Structures are given as structure tokens and as C-alpha cells.
N, C-alpha and C. Protein backbone atom coordinates (compact mmCIF):
# COMPACT_ATOMS: atom_id res chain seq x y z
N UNK A 1 0.85 -1.18 0.00
CA UNK A 1 0.00 0.00 0.00
C UNK A 1 0.89 1.24 0.00
N UNK A 2 0.49 2.22 -0.78
CA UNK A 2 1.25 3.46 -0.91
C UNK A 2 0.54 4.55 -0.13
N UNK A 3 1.31 5.29 0.63
CA UNK A 3 0.71 6.39 1.39
C UNK A 3 0.34 7.53 0.44
N UNK A 4 -0.55 8.37 0.89
CA UNK A 4 -0.98 9.51 0.09
C UNK A 4 0.20 10.44 -0.20
N UNK A 5 1.05 10.64 0.77
CA UNK A 5 2.22 11.51 0.59
C UNK A 5 3.16 10.95 -0.47
N UNK A 6 3.38 9.62 -0.44
CA UNK A 6 4.24 8.99 -1.44
C UNK A 6 3.64 9.09 -2.83
N UNK A 7 2.33 8.90 -2.93
CA UNK A 7 1.65 8.99 -4.22
C UNK A 7 1.76 10.41 -4.78
N UNK A 8 1.59 11.40 -3.93
CA UNK A 8 1.70 12.79 -4.38
C UNK A 8 3.13 13.11 -4.82
N UNK A 9 4.11 12.59 -4.09
CA UNK A 9 5.51 12.82 -4.46
C UNK A 9 5.83 12.19 -5.81
N UNK A 10 5.35 10.98 -6.03
CA UNK A 10 5.57 10.30 -7.30
C UNK A 10 4.88 11.03 -8.45
N UNK A 11 3.66 11.50 -8.20
CA UNK A 11 2.93 12.26 -9.22
C UNK A 11 3.68 13.54 -9.57
N UNK A 12 4.24 14.20 -8.56
CA UNK A 12 5.01 15.42 -8.80
C UNK A 12 6.24 15.12 -9.66
N UNK A 13 6.94 14.01 -9.36
CA UNK A 13 8.12 13.61 -10.14
C UNK A 13 7.75 13.36 -11.60
N UNK A 14 6.65 12.64 -11.81
CA UNK A 14 6.24 12.32 -13.17
C UNK A 14 5.82 13.56 -13.95
N UNK A 15 5.12 14.49 -13.28
CA UNK A 15 4.74 15.74 -13.94
C UNK A 15 5.98 16.56 -14.30
N UNK A 16 6.96 16.59 -13.40
CA UNK A 16 8.20 17.33 -13.66
C UNK A 16 8.95 16.71 -14.84
N UNK A 17 8.96 15.39 -14.91
CA UNK A 17 9.63 14.72 -16.02
C UNK A 17 8.93 15.05 -17.34
N UNK A 18 7.61 15.02 -17.33
CA UNK A 18 6.85 15.33 -18.54
C UNK A 18 7.06 16.78 -18.96
N UNK A 19 7.11 17.68 -17.99
CA UNK A 19 7.33 19.09 -18.29
C UNK A 19 8.73 19.31 -18.85
N UNK A 20 9.67 18.45 -18.46
CA UNK A 20 11.05 18.55 -18.95
C UNK A 20 11.25 17.90 -20.31
N UNK A 21 10.19 17.39 -20.91
CA UNK A 21 10.29 16.80 -22.24
C UNK A 21 10.49 15.30 -22.26
N UNK A 22 10.56 14.66 -21.11
CA UNK A 22 10.72 13.21 -21.06
C UNK A 22 9.34 12.56 -20.98
N UNK A 23 9.25 11.34 -21.47
CA UNK A 23 8.01 10.59 -21.40
C UNK A 23 8.22 9.43 -20.42
N UNK A 24 7.72 9.54 -19.20
CA UNK A 24 7.94 8.49 -18.20
C UNK A 24 7.40 7.13 -18.61
N UNK A 25 6.31 7.10 -19.36
CA UNK A 25 5.74 5.83 -19.80
C UNK A 25 6.67 5.12 -20.77
N UNK A 26 7.27 5.86 -21.70
CA UNK A 26 8.23 5.27 -22.64
C UNK A 26 9.45 4.75 -21.89
N UNK A 27 9.91 5.49 -20.91
CA UNK A 27 11.07 5.06 -20.12
C UNK A 27 10.75 3.78 -19.35
N UNK A 28 9.54 3.69 -18.83
CA UNK A 28 9.14 2.49 -18.10
C UNK A 28 9.10 1.29 -19.02
N UNK A 29 8.52 1.46 -20.21
CA UNK A 29 8.45 0.37 -21.17
C UNK A 29 9.83 -0.04 -21.66
N UNK A 30 10.72 0.91 -21.84
CA UNK A 30 12.05 0.62 -22.34
C UNK A 30 12.79 -0.31 -21.38
N UNK A 31 12.50 -0.25 -20.12
CA UNK A 31 13.14 -1.13 -19.15
C UNK A 31 12.78 -2.58 -19.36
N UNK A 32 11.67 -2.86 -20.03
CA UNK A 32 11.22 -4.22 -20.27
C UNK A 32 11.79 -4.81 -21.57
N UNK A 33 12.46 -4.01 -22.37
CA UNK A 33 13.00 -4.48 -23.64
C UNK A 33 14.30 -5.24 -23.37
N UNK A 34 14.41 -6.47 -23.87
CA UNK A 34 15.61 -7.27 -23.60
C UNK A 34 16.79 -6.85 -24.47
N UNK A 35 17.97 -7.24 -24.05
CA UNK A 35 19.14 -7.06 -24.90
C UNK A 35 19.12 -8.15 -25.96
N UNK A 36 19.94 -7.97 -26.97
CA UNK A 36 20.00 -8.98 -28.03
C UNK A 36 20.45 -10.32 -27.46
N UNK A 37 21.40 -10.32 -26.56
CA UNK A 37 21.90 -11.56 -25.97
C UNK A 37 20.79 -12.28 -25.19
N UNK A 38 20.00 -11.54 -24.41
CA UNK A 38 18.90 -12.15 -23.66
C UNK A 38 17.86 -12.76 -24.61
N UNK A 39 17.55 -12.02 -25.67
CA UNK A 39 16.58 -12.51 -26.64
C UNK A 39 17.12 -13.73 -27.37
N UNK A 40 18.40 -13.72 -27.70
CA UNK A 40 19.01 -14.87 -28.39
C UNK A 40 18.96 -16.11 -27.51
N UNK A 41 19.17 -15.93 -26.22
CA UNK A 41 19.07 -17.07 -25.30
C UNK A 41 17.67 -17.68 -25.33
N UNK A 42 16.67 -16.81 -25.33
CA UNK A 42 15.28 -17.29 -25.37
C UNK A 42 14.97 -18.02 -26.68
N UNK A 43 15.44 -17.48 -27.80
CA UNK A 43 15.21 -18.10 -29.10
C UNK A 43 15.96 -19.44 -29.18
N UNK A 44 17.17 -19.45 -28.69
CA UNK A 44 17.98 -20.67 -28.69
C UNK A 44 17.27 -21.76 -27.89
N UNK A 45 16.79 -21.42 -26.71
CA UNK A 45 16.08 -22.40 -25.89
C UNK A 45 14.78 -22.87 -26.55
N UNK A 46 14.09 -21.94 -27.19
CA UNK A 46 12.82 -22.28 -27.84
C UNK A 46 13.02 -23.21 -29.03
N UNK A 47 14.12 -23.06 -29.75
CA UNK A 47 14.35 -23.85 -30.96
C UNK A 47 15.13 -25.14 -30.71
N UNK A 48 15.74 -25.26 -29.57
CA UNK A 48 16.61 -26.41 -29.30
C UNK A 48 15.90 -27.75 -29.53
N UNK A 49 14.65 -27.86 -29.15
CA UNK A 49 13.92 -29.13 -29.28
C UNK A 49 13.72 -29.55 -30.74
N UNK A 50 13.62 -28.60 -31.64
CA UNK A 50 13.36 -28.95 -33.04
C UNK A 50 14.62 -29.21 -33.85
N UNK A 51 15.78 -28.86 -33.31
CA UNK A 51 17.02 -29.12 -34.04
C UNK A 51 17.38 -30.59 -33.95
N UNK A 52 17.98 -31.10 -35.00
CA UNK A 52 18.26 -32.53 -35.09
C UNK A 52 19.33 -33.02 -34.12
N UNK A 53 20.28 -32.16 -33.79
CA UNK A 53 21.35 -32.61 -32.90
C UNK A 53 21.80 -31.47 -31.99
N UNK A 54 22.53 -31.87 -30.97
CA UNK A 54 23.09 -30.87 -30.05
C UNK A 54 24.15 -30.02 -30.75
N UNK A 55 24.78 -30.60 -31.75
CA UNK A 55 25.81 -29.88 -32.49
C UNK A 55 25.22 -28.64 -33.17
N UNK A 56 24.02 -28.76 -33.69
CA UNK A 56 23.35 -27.62 -34.32
C UNK A 56 23.17 -26.50 -33.31
N UNK A 57 22.73 -26.85 -32.12
CA UNK A 57 22.54 -25.84 -31.06
C UNK A 57 23.85 -25.17 -30.70
N UNK A 58 24.91 -25.96 -30.61
CA UNK A 58 26.23 -25.41 -30.27
C UNK A 58 26.72 -24.47 -31.36
N UNK A 59 26.59 -24.88 -32.62
CA UNK A 59 27.04 -24.04 -33.73
C UNK A 59 26.21 -22.77 -33.87
N UNK A 60 24.91 -22.90 -33.64
CA UNK A 60 24.02 -21.73 -33.72
C UNK A 60 24.46 -20.67 -32.71
N UNK A 61 24.68 -21.11 -31.49
CA UNK A 61 25.07 -20.17 -30.42
C UNK A 61 26.48 -19.63 -30.67
N UNK A 62 27.40 -20.50 -31.08
CA UNK A 62 28.79 -20.07 -31.29
C UNK A 62 28.90 -19.02 -32.39
N UNK A 63 28.11 -19.15 -33.43
CA UNK A 63 28.18 -18.16 -34.51
C UNK A 63 27.75 -16.78 -34.02
N UNK A 64 26.73 -16.72 -33.19
CA UNK A 64 26.32 -15.43 -32.64
C UNK A 64 27.36 -14.91 -31.65
N UNK A 65 27.89 -15.81 -30.86
CA UNK A 65 28.89 -15.42 -29.87
C UNK A 65 30.15 -14.86 -30.55
N UNK A 66 30.57 -15.49 -31.62
CA UNK A 66 31.80 -15.08 -32.31
C UNK A 66 31.64 -13.84 -33.18
N UNK A 67 30.45 -13.59 -33.70
CA UNK A 67 30.30 -12.54 -34.69
C UNK A 67 29.29 -11.45 -34.35
N UNK A 68 28.35 -11.70 -33.45
CA UNK A 68 27.30 -10.71 -33.21
C UNK A 68 27.34 -10.11 -31.80
N UNK A 69 27.58 -10.93 -30.80
CA UNK A 69 27.46 -10.44 -29.42
C UNK A 69 28.44 -9.32 -29.09
N UNK A 70 29.61 -9.32 -29.68
CA UNK A 70 30.57 -8.26 -29.39
C UNK A 70 30.06 -6.90 -29.87
N UNK A 71 29.25 -6.91 -30.91
CA UNK A 71 28.76 -5.66 -31.49
C UNK A 71 27.37 -5.30 -30.99
N UNK A 72 26.43 -6.25 -30.99
CA UNK A 72 25.05 -5.92 -30.64
C UNK A 72 24.52 -6.69 -29.43
N UNK A 73 25.35 -7.48 -28.79
CA UNK A 73 24.89 -8.33 -27.68
C UNK A 73 24.28 -7.57 -26.52
N UNK A 74 24.82 -6.40 -26.20
CA UNK A 74 24.33 -5.64 -25.05
C UNK A 74 23.34 -4.54 -25.44
N UNK A 75 22.99 -4.47 -26.72
CA UNK A 75 22.03 -3.47 -27.18
C UNK A 75 20.60 -3.97 -26.97
N UNK A 76 19.70 -3.06 -26.62
CA UNK A 76 18.28 -3.40 -26.55
C UNK A 76 17.81 -3.72 -27.96
N UNK A 77 16.97 -4.73 -28.10
CA UNK A 77 16.58 -5.17 -29.44
C UNK A 77 15.84 -4.09 -30.22
N UNK A 78 15.18 -3.18 -29.55
CA UNK A 78 14.47 -2.12 -30.27
C UNK A 78 15.42 -1.03 -30.76
N UNK A 79 16.69 -1.10 -30.40
CA UNK A 79 17.69 -0.11 -30.82
C UNK A 79 18.59 -0.62 -31.94
N UNK A 80 18.46 -1.88 -32.30
CA UNK A 80 19.33 -2.46 -33.32
C UNK A 80 18.83 -2.04 -34.70
N UNK A 81 19.75 -1.50 -35.50
CA UNK A 81 19.39 -1.03 -36.83
C UNK A 81 20.07 -1.90 -37.89
N UNK A 82 19.73 -1.64 -39.12
CA UNK A 82 20.32 -2.37 -40.23
C UNK A 82 21.83 -2.18 -40.26
N UNK A 83 22.28 -0.99 -39.96
CA UNK A 83 23.72 -0.74 -39.97
C UNK A 83 24.45 -1.54 -38.88
N UNK A 84 23.78 -1.78 -37.75
CA UNK A 84 24.38 -2.61 -36.70
C UNK A 84 24.55 -4.05 -37.17
N UNK A 85 23.55 -4.56 -37.86
CA UNK A 85 23.62 -5.93 -38.40
C UNK A 85 24.72 -6.01 -39.45
N UNK A 86 24.82 -4.99 -40.28
CA UNK A 86 25.88 -4.98 -41.30
C UNK A 86 27.26 -4.96 -40.67
N UNK A 87 27.41 -4.26 -39.55
CA UNK A 87 28.70 -4.24 -38.86
C UNK A 87 29.09 -5.63 -38.38
N UNK A 88 28.12 -6.47 -38.12
CA UNK A 88 28.40 -7.85 -37.70
C UNK A 88 28.88 -8.72 -38.85
N UNK A 89 28.28 -8.56 -40.02
CA UNK A 89 28.56 -9.48 -41.12
C UNK A 89 29.52 -8.95 -42.18
N UNK A 90 29.68 -7.65 -42.29
CA UNK A 90 30.54 -7.09 -43.33
C UNK A 90 31.98 -7.57 -43.28
N UNK A 91 32.62 -7.68 -42.11
CA UNK A 91 34.02 -8.10 -42.09
C UNK A 91 34.27 -9.46 -42.73
N UNK A 92 33.29 -10.34 -42.73
CA UNK A 92 33.50 -11.68 -43.28
C UNK A 92 32.74 -11.93 -44.58
N UNK A 93 32.03 -10.94 -45.07
CA UNK A 93 31.16 -11.16 -46.23
C UNK A 93 31.93 -11.62 -47.47
N UNK A 94 33.09 -11.07 -47.73
CA UNK A 94 33.86 -11.41 -48.94
C UNK A 94 34.62 -12.72 -48.79
N UNK A 95 35.04 -13.05 -47.59
CA UNK A 95 35.88 -14.23 -47.41
C UNK A 95 35.14 -15.45 -46.86
N UNK A 96 34.14 -15.23 -46.06
CA UNK A 96 33.39 -16.32 -45.45
C UNK A 96 31.90 -16.09 -45.67
N UNK A 97 31.51 -16.14 -46.92
CA UNK A 97 30.15 -15.79 -47.32
C UNK A 97 29.09 -16.64 -46.62
N UNK A 98 29.31 -17.93 -46.55
CA UNK A 98 28.31 -18.82 -45.94
C UNK A 98 28.13 -18.52 -44.45
N UNK A 99 29.23 -18.26 -43.75
CA UNK A 99 29.15 -17.91 -42.32
C UNK A 99 28.41 -16.59 -42.15
N UNK A 100 28.74 -15.62 -42.98
CA UNK A 100 28.08 -14.31 -42.91
C UNK A 100 26.57 -14.45 -43.14
N UNK A 101 26.21 -15.28 -44.12
CA UNK A 101 24.79 -15.50 -44.41
C UNK A 101 24.08 -16.13 -43.22
N UNK A 102 24.71 -17.11 -42.60
CA UNK A 102 24.10 -17.78 -41.46
C UNK A 102 23.96 -16.85 -40.26
N UNK A 103 24.99 -16.04 -40.00
CA UNK A 103 24.93 -15.09 -38.89
C UNK A 103 23.81 -14.09 -39.12
N UNK A 104 23.73 -13.57 -40.35
CA UNK A 104 22.66 -12.61 -40.68
C UNK A 104 21.29 -13.25 -40.49
N UNK A 105 21.16 -14.48 -40.94
CA UNK A 105 19.89 -15.20 -40.81
C UNK A 105 19.54 -15.42 -39.33
N UNK A 106 20.51 -15.74 -38.51
CA UNK A 106 20.26 -15.98 -37.09
C UNK A 106 19.91 -14.69 -36.35
N UNK A 107 20.56 -13.60 -36.73
CA UNK A 107 20.20 -12.31 -36.14
C UNK A 107 18.76 -11.97 -36.52
N UNK A 108 18.43 -12.17 -37.78
CA UNK A 108 17.06 -11.90 -38.23
C UNK A 108 16.05 -12.77 -37.49
N UNK A 109 16.38 -14.03 -37.24
CA UNK A 109 15.49 -14.93 -36.50
C UNK A 109 15.22 -14.39 -35.10
N UNK A 110 16.27 -13.93 -34.43
CA UNK A 110 16.11 -13.39 -33.07
C UNK A 110 15.25 -12.13 -33.10
N UNK A 111 15.52 -11.23 -34.03
CA UNK A 111 14.77 -9.98 -34.09
C UNK A 111 13.31 -10.21 -34.48
N UNK A 112 13.06 -11.15 -35.36
CA UNK A 112 11.66 -11.47 -35.72
C UNK A 112 10.93 -12.12 -34.55
N UNK A 113 11.62 -12.95 -33.80
CA UNK A 113 11.01 -13.56 -32.62
C UNK A 113 10.64 -12.47 -31.61
N UNK A 114 11.53 -11.51 -31.44
CA UNK A 114 11.23 -10.39 -30.54
C UNK A 114 10.03 -9.60 -31.01
N UNK A 115 9.98 -9.36 -32.30
CA UNK A 115 8.85 -8.61 -32.85
C UNK A 115 7.55 -9.37 -32.64
N UNK A 116 7.57 -10.68 -32.84
CA UNK A 116 6.37 -11.49 -32.65
C UNK A 116 5.92 -11.52 -31.20
N UNK A 117 6.87 -11.37 -30.27
CA UNK A 117 6.54 -11.39 -28.85
C UNK A 117 6.41 -9.99 -28.26
N UNK A 118 6.41 -8.96 -29.10
CA UNK A 118 6.16 -7.60 -28.65
C UNK A 118 7.33 -6.93 -27.97
N UNK A 119 8.52 -7.48 -28.07
CA UNK A 119 9.66 -6.90 -27.37
C UNK A 119 10.27 -5.71 -28.08
N UNK A 120 9.82 -5.42 -29.29
CA UNK A 120 10.41 -4.31 -30.02
C UNK A 120 9.59 -3.03 -29.94
N UNK A 121 8.41 -3.11 -29.29
CA UNK A 121 7.59 -1.91 -29.33
C UNK A 121 6.85 -1.62 -28.02
N UNK A 122 6.76 -2.54 -27.10
CA UNK A 122 5.99 -2.26 -25.90
C UNK A 122 6.51 -3.07 -24.73
N UNK A 123 5.83 -2.97 -23.63
CA UNK A 123 6.27 -3.66 -22.41
C UNK A 123 5.65 -5.04 -22.28
N UNK A 124 5.31 -5.67 -23.37
CA UNK A 124 4.67 -6.97 -23.29
C UNK A 124 5.66 -8.12 -23.38
N UNK A 125 6.93 -7.84 -23.13
CA UNK A 125 7.97 -8.88 -23.17
C UNK A 125 7.61 -9.96 -22.17
N UNK A 126 7.49 -11.20 -22.61
CA UNK A 126 7.05 -12.26 -21.71
C UNK A 126 8.06 -12.58 -20.64
N UNK A 127 7.58 -12.85 -19.45
CA UNK A 127 8.46 -13.24 -18.35
C UNK A 127 9.04 -14.61 -18.62
N UNK A 128 10.22 -14.85 -18.13
CA UNK A 128 10.90 -16.12 -18.35
C UNK A 128 10.29 -17.23 -17.55
């Protein structure tokens, strides 16, 4: 239970934030958006049962770990842009085309999964 004084203080803070040009509701929702690494863990766990072998799961994770997590692993999924994805795959595109294609595909899989679960636009990110 919140006291009346605490409620008034919180209301004052939120009004001051809004008057200062910030949107407290957007900030609250942004806290629910996962990082790319967190989302990739969820996608990896969700797909593990349908993969034919454990080796597939290991290779899937290793490709993201080696090529994507250093660049976009700690970014919120709603902040990842096309240029961020290109930064992950461009260094190997000319020499390791198949690896680059797979990494790009896996990044896209994670981002589409996030979009389907509402993690790219609102606070409806499902609890683990």
C-alpha cells in the first residue's frame, strides 16, 4: 500500500519529467525491452527441441557469440538497426560468405522472434 504523501511525491516527479520533455511511460516500457543476448538465449532455448542434434545448437550459439554479441549483444533489441547488423557481417562477407549469411539469418530470426513477442515496441515482453 502506498501512502498519500508517497503517491503525491511520485505524481510530482512524473509531472516534472513530462514538463522537462521526457516521457515516463516510454522510459518504463524501455526497461522491459531485452538485450539482443537475452533474446538470443530465449530463441535458442525455444528452438533447441526442433534441431536434429546438439551440435546444431552449439554451432548456432557459437556463430552469434563469435560474430554478433561483441557488437550488438548488449544493445536493446528495439535499438538495433540495419547498420548494426551490417557491422556484424561485413568483415567476413567477402571471405566467409556462408558464415556471414548464417549469422545474418540468425540475427534476423532473433529480431523477428522479438517482434512477434512484442519486445520491439511495448512492455509486453514475456516473463521467463
